[in-house]
Protein backbone atom coordinates (compact mmCIF):
# COMPACT_ATOMS: atom_id res chain seq x y z
CA MET A 1 39.08 -26.73 -71.78
CA PHE A 2 36.38 -24.73 -73.56
CA LEU A 3 37.25 -21.16 -74.57
CA VAL A 4 34.78 -18.28 -75.09
CA VAL A 5 35.92 -14.97 -76.61
CA PHE A 6 33.48 -12.06 -76.47
CA ARG A 7 34.37 -9.00 -78.59
CA ASN A 8 32.20 -5.93 -78.13
CA ARG A 9 31.81 -2.20 -78.52
CA LYS A 10 29.66 -0.17 -76.15
CA ARG A 11 27.03 2.28 -77.33
CA PRO A 12 28.23 5.91 -77.27
CA ASP A 13 25.50 6.77 -74.75
CA VAL A 14 26.16 3.78 -72.47
CA ASP A 15 25.57 4.26 -68.74
CA ALA A 16 29.13 3.31 -67.73
CA GLU A 17 28.30 3.11 -64.03
CA ALA A 18 25.38 0.71 -64.57
CA TYR A 19 27.45 -1.35 -67.02
CA GLY A 20 30.30 -1.57 -64.49
CA ARG A 21 27.97 -2.81 -61.76
CA ASP A 22 26.49 -5.45 -64.04
CA ALA A 23 29.91 -6.53 -65.34
CA ASP A 24 31.29 -6.89 -61.81
CA ARG A 25 28.25 -8.93 -60.74
CA MET A 26 28.50 -11.20 -63.80
CA GLU A 27 32.20 -11.83 -63.21
CA ALA A 28 31.57 -12.77 -59.57
CA LEU A 29 28.66 -15.01 -60.58
CA ALA A 30 30.72 -16.69 -63.34
CA ARG A 31 33.61 -17.35 -60.94
CA ALA A 32 31.16 -19.22 -58.66
CA GLN A 33 29.83 -21.32 -61.55
CA PRO A 34 30.95 -24.98 -61.62
CA GLY A 35 33.58 -25.50 -64.33
CA PHE A 36 34.79 -21.87 -64.37
CA LEU A 37 38.56 -21.66 -64.90
CA ALA A 38 39.57 -18.08 -65.74
CA PHE A 39 38.45 -14.68 -67.03
CA LYS A 40 40.33 -11.72 -68.49
CA SER A 41 39.13 -8.58 -70.25
CA TYR A 42 41.13 -6.17 -72.39
CA THR A 43 40.17 -2.82 -73.89
CA ALA A 44 41.85 -1.64 -77.09
CA GLY A 45 42.70 1.98 -77.79
CA ASP A 46 39.77 2.24 -80.21
CA GLY A 47 37.30 1.15 -77.50
CA GLU A 48 36.79 -2.44 -78.56
CA VAL A 49 36.71 -4.87 -75.62
CA VAL A 50 37.85 -8.48 -75.80
CA ALA A 51 36.77 -10.69 -72.89
CA ILE A 52 38.09 -14.24 -72.64
CA SER A 53 36.60 -16.89 -70.39
CA GLU A 54 37.89 -20.41 -69.92
CA TRP A 55 35.68 -23.30 -68.83
CA ALA A 56 36.38 -26.91 -67.91
CA ASP A 57 34.23 -28.09 -70.80
CA GLU A 58 31.44 -27.06 -73.15
CA ALA A 59 28.74 -28.21 -70.70
CA ALA A 60 30.05 -25.77 -68.07
CA ALA A 61 30.07 -22.90 -70.59
CA GLN A 62 26.54 -23.78 -71.70
CA ALA A 63 25.34 -23.89 -68.09
CA TRP A 64 26.75 -20.38 -67.63
CA ARG A 65 24.99 -19.21 -70.78
CA ARG A 66 21.70 -20.52 -69.39
CA ASN A 67 22.15 -19.03 -65.91
CA VAL A 68 18.94 -17.03 -65.28
CA GLU A 69 20.64 -13.90 -63.92
CA HIS A 70 23.26 -13.99 -66.69
CA ALA A 71 20.53 -14.35 -69.35
CA ALA A 72 18.72 -11.30 -67.96
CA VAL A 73 21.91 -9.20 -68.09
CA GLN A 74 22.61 -10.45 -71.63
CA ALA A 75 19.22 -9.07 -72.70
CA LYS A 76 19.98 -5.80 -70.88
CA GLY A 77 23.32 -5.66 -72.72
CA ARG A 78 21.62 -5.93 -76.12
CA ALA A 79 19.02 -3.31 -75.13
CA ASP A 80 21.20 -0.82 -73.25
CA TYR A 81 24.95 -1.42 -73.47
CA TYR A 82 26.28 -2.82 -76.75
CA ALA A 83 26.52 -1.23 -80.18
CA ASP A 84 27.72 -4.61 -81.46
CA TYR A 85 29.34 -7.81 -80.32
CA THR A 86 30.69 -11.10 -81.61
CA MET A 87 31.16 -14.26 -79.57
CA PHE A 88 33.52 -17.08 -80.50
CA ALA A 89 33.31 -20.48 -78.77
CA CYS A 90 36.08 -23.00 -79.19
CA PRO A 91 36.09 -26.56 -77.92
CA GLU A 92 39.52 -28.07 -77.40
CA PRO A 93 41.60 -25.04 -78.42
CA ARG A 94 45.16 -25.72 -79.48
CA VAL A 95 47.27 -24.40 -76.58
CA ARG A 96 51.00 -23.77 -76.54
CA SER A 97 52.82 -22.25 -73.59
CA TYR A 98 56.23 -20.80 -72.84
CA ARG A 99 57.63 -19.63 -69.51
CA ARG A 100 61.15 -18.33 -68.98
CA ALA A 101 62.94 -20.18 -66.20
CA ALA A 102 63.51 -18.16 -63.02
CA GLY A 103 66.95 -16.60 -62.81
CA VAL A 104 67.60 -16.66 -66.54
CA GLU A 105 69.05 -13.36 -67.68
CA ARG A 106 69.00 -11.85 -71.13
CA SER A 107 72.23 -10.71 -72.68
């Protein structure tokens, strides 16, 4: 798995409707990309957004980065949408999981 974390803050004057359209299109396009595994986005109370995408491997994530339509929207994001952002890319993240068994009650 290859993990990409994108932290960002929108500009105060962002066109939220245009951003939403572009974000929805990019998510649909990413989901159709070979090697795509998952995507989640969270917004903190202070307005910061953290978006997490999971890819089969680094090559799949790099192919997404180079997608022509995605590259155009990235440029639009820098010009029109984001006040700042930071991207973290992590090959072979250390993953630990826990899941409570069905029917187990807390006391």
